[in-house]
Amino acid sequence: MSKPALFPDTTPSGIAVDPRTLERVIPESKRSDGSVRKEIKIKPGFTPQEDVSRFRGTKQQEMDSRALPKGHIVGWVPPSSATNNTAGKSSGAMSKSQKKNEKRKEKKKAEVTKKIQENWDDDDDEDDIKPAPKPKATTESSSKTDSTAEELAEKLEKLEVKN
């Protein structure tokens, strides 16, 4: 026989099973003024009105078990399961270009995984990672920036500070 939980679940009426004695009790609680209510034992076989479940016929129970979760849309299938099923079935109905594109995608994925498998422990080698090339300034744009810098320097020299 399994051991009862240390913190047993309570029923809607507040009744729980005492883990030491395995009796049904209403656990002790604290009032707002700080005094403590005693633990109340419940007689075997007694079920308070809050714990009585509503009568449901067999047909009603079946309907409840088949009920969709709240917010579920009828006919909607989650994308993860829908794509897996359709990908396997529609492979025969693909056009030539779709088949070629699919093969290209598979090759790219295989190359990426191959690089990852080869370099999984290489921290020193950075041959595969190429830094993005910096855009080189053209001679015209660099000469323009030089000329504007010179002009600003000349203007600053011409300015006189008056006290």
Protein backbone atom coordinates (compact mmCIF):
# COMPACT_ATOMS: atom_id res chain seq x y z
CA MET A 1 0.00 0.00 0.00
CA SER A 2 1.36 3.43 -0.89
CA LYS A 3 1.98 6.09 1.69
CA PRO A 4 -0.42 9.04 1.87
CA ALA A 5 0.75 12.46 0.77
CA LEU A 6 2.32 14.76 3.38
CA PHE A 7 0.17 17.64 2.15
CA PRO A 8 -3.07 15.92 1.16
CA ASP A 9 -5.53 17.38 -1.31
CA THR A 10 -8.59 18.86 0.26
CA THR A 11 -12.14 18.44 -0.96
CA PRO A 12 -14.31 21.51 -1.74
CA SER A 13 -15.64 21.34 1.80
CA GLY A 14 -12.10 21.37 3.28
CA ILE A 15 -11.87 17.73 4.33
CA ALA A 16 -8.46 16.07 4.01
CA VAL A 17 -6.99 12.69 4.96
CA ASP A 18 -4.62 12.88 7.94
CA PRO A 19 -1.31 11.29 6.80
CA ARG A 20 -0.54 9.81 10.26
CA THR A 21 -3.89 8.29 11.22
CA LEU A 22 -5.47 8.02 7.74
CA GLU A 23 -8.69 9.52 9.13
CA ARG A 24 -10.72 12.16 7.32
CA VAL A 25 -10.37 15.48 9.14
CA ILE A 26 -10.82 19.21 8.69
CA PRO A 27 -7.29 20.45 9.47
CA GLU A 28 -6.67 23.03 12.17
CA SER A 29 -6.57 26.61 10.98
CA LYS A 30 -5.87 30.08 12.30
CA ARG A 31 -8.54 32.69 12.77
CA SER A 32 -7.93 36.33 11.86
CA ASP A 33 -7.57 37.25 15.55
CA GLY A 34 -4.73 34.72 15.91
CA SER A 35 -6.55 31.96 17.80
CA VAL A 36 -6.40 28.40 16.43
CA ARG A 37 -9.37 26.23 15.45
CA LYS A 38 -9.07 22.61 16.55
CA GLU A 39 -8.83 19.79 14.02
CA ILE A 40 -12.29 18.26 13.43
CA LYS A 41 -12.67 14.53 12.78
CA ILE A 42 -15.23 13.46 10.17
CA LYS A 43 -17.25 10.27 10.70
CA PRO A 44 -16.72 7.52 8.13
CA GLY A 45 -19.35 7.54 5.38
CA PHE A 46 -20.32 11.19 5.88
CA THR A 47 -20.22 13.32 2.72
CA PRO A 48 -21.00 17.03 3.07
CA GLN A 49 -23.28 18.69 0.53
CA GLU A 50 -20.35 20.56 -1.14
CA ASP A 51 -18.66 17.25 -1.96
CA VAL A 52 -21.71 15.52 -3.46
CA SER A 53 -21.24 15.26 -7.20
CA ARG A 54 -24.09 16.02 -9.55
CA PHE A 55 -25.82 13.00 -11.08
CA ARG A 56 -24.83 12.48 -14.70
CA GLY A 57 -26.38 9.81 -16.90
CA THR A 58 -24.17 7.57 -19.07
CA LYS A 59 -24.89 9.58 -22.21
CA GLN A 60 -24.04 12.82 -20.42
CA GLN A 61 -20.79 11.32 -19.10
CA GLU A 62 -19.82 10.24 -22.62
CA MET A 63 -20.52 13.73 -23.94
CA ASP A 64 -18.42 15.25 -21.15
CA SER A 65 -15.51 12.93 -21.94
CA ARG A 66 -15.68 13.85 -25.66
CA ALA A 67 -15.97 17.58 -24.97
CA LEU A 68 -13.28 19.71 -26.58
CA PRO A 69 -11.01 21.81 -24.39
CA LYS A 70 -12.04 25.38 -23.74
CA GLY A 71 -11.04 27.66 -26.64
CA HIS A 72 -10.54 24.78 -29.09
CA ILE A 73 -11.57 25.40 -32.68
CA VAL A 74 -13.46 22.57 -34.40
CA GLY A 75 -11.51 21.16 -37.35
CA TRP A 76 -8.26 22.94 -36.44
CA VAL A 77 -5.15 20.80 -36.32
CA PRO A 78 -1.95 22.07 -34.60
CA PRO A 79 0.67 23.07 -37.20
CA SER A 80 3.39 20.69 -35.99
CA SER A 81 1.32 17.55 -36.60
CA ALA A 82 -0.31 18.93 -39.74
CA THR A 83 2.98 19.67 -41.53
CA ASN A 84 4.44 16.24 -40.73
CA ASN A 85 1.44 14.43 -42.20
CA THR A 86 1.11 16.57 -45.32
CA ALA A 87 4.84 16.54 -46.13
CA GLY A 88 4.94 12.76 -46.36
CA LYS A 89 1.79 12.47 -48.48
CA SER A 90 2.35 15.33 -50.93
CA SER A 91 5.90 14.31 -51.94
CA GLY A 92 4.56 12.33 -54.92
CA ALA A 93 2.43 15.25 -56.16
CA MET A 94 5.33 17.74 -56.35
CA SER A 95 6.35 19.35 -59.58
CA LYS A 96 9.90 19.07 -60.89
CA SER A 97 10.90 22.49 -59.63
CA GLN A 98 9.50 21.75 -56.18
CA LYS A 99 11.48 18.52 -56.06
CA LYS A 100 14.69 20.34 -57.08
CA ASN A 101 14.13 23.02 -54.45
CA GLU A 102 13.52 20.35 -51.83
CA LYS A 103 16.79 18.61 -52.73
CA ARG A 104 18.66 21.93 -52.51
CA LYS A 105 17.24 22.57 -49.05
CA GLU A 106 18.25 19.10 -47.90
CA LYS A 107 21.80 19.57 -49.23
CA LYS A 108 22.13 22.91 -47.43
CA LYS A 109 20.92 21.39 -44.18
CA ALA A 110 23.34 18.47 -44.59
CA GLU A 111 26.27 20.86 -45.22
CA VAL A 112 25.45 22.93 -42.17
CA THR A 113 25.14 19.88 -39.93
CA LYS A 114 28.37 18.47 -41.38
CA LYS A 115 30.25 21.68 -40.52
CA ILE A 116 28.79 21.65 -37.04
CA GLN A 117 29.76 18.01 -36.53
CA GLU A 118 33.32 18.65 -37.71
CA ASN A 119 33.85 21.76 -35.63
CA TRP A 120 31.95 20.95 -32.46
CA ASP A 121 35.11 20.91 -30.33
CA ASP A 122 37.32 23.32 -32.31
CA ASP A 123 37.50 26.53 -30.32
CA ASP A 124 40.83 27.67 -31.80
CA ASP A 125 40.06 27.23 -35.48
CA GLU A 126 38.04 30.09 -36.89
CA ASP A 127 38.68 29.35 -40.56
CA ASP A 128 35.02 28.68 -41.27
CA ILE A 129 33.84 31.92 -39.69
CA LYS A 130 34.65 34.75 -42.03
CA PRO A 131 34.19 38.30 -40.79
CA ALA A 132 31.90 40.42 -42.90
CA PRO A 133 33.95 42.52 -45.32
CA LYS A 134 34.00 46.18 -44.37
CA PRO A 135 32.83 48.49 -47.12
CA LYS A 136 35.84 50.29 -48.51
CA ALA A 137 35.56 54.01 -48.99
CA THR A 138 36.04 55.14 -52.55
CA THR A 139 38.72 57.70 -53.34
CA GLU A 140 36.08 60.28 -54.19
CA SER A 141 34.23 59.95 -50.89
CA SER A 142 37.47 59.96 -48.88
CA SER A 143 38.69 63.07 -50.70
CA LYS A 144 35.34 64.75 -49.99
CA THR A 145 35.61 64.00 -46.27
CA ASP A 146 39.21 65.28 -46.25
CA SER A 147 38.21 68.51 -47.99
CA THR A 148 35.31 69.11 -45.60
CA ALA A 149 37.60 68.49 -42.63
CA GLU A 150 40.13 70.99 -44.02
CA GLU A 151 37.41 73.57 -44.57
CA LEU A 152 36.19 73.20 -40.99
CA ALA A 153 39.76 73.59 -39.70
CA GLU A 154 40.19 76.81 -41.74
CA LYS A 155 36.92 78.23 -40.38
CA LEU A 156 38.01 77.52 -36.82
CA GLU A 157 41.33 79.31 -37.39
CA LYS A 158 39.54 82.38 -38.79
CA LEU A 159 37.27 82.66 -35.78
CA GLU A 160 38.51 85.06 -33.15
CA VAL A 161 37.50 84.84 -29.54
CA LYS A 162 36.68 88.27 -28.03
CA ASN A 163 36.86 88.86 -24.32
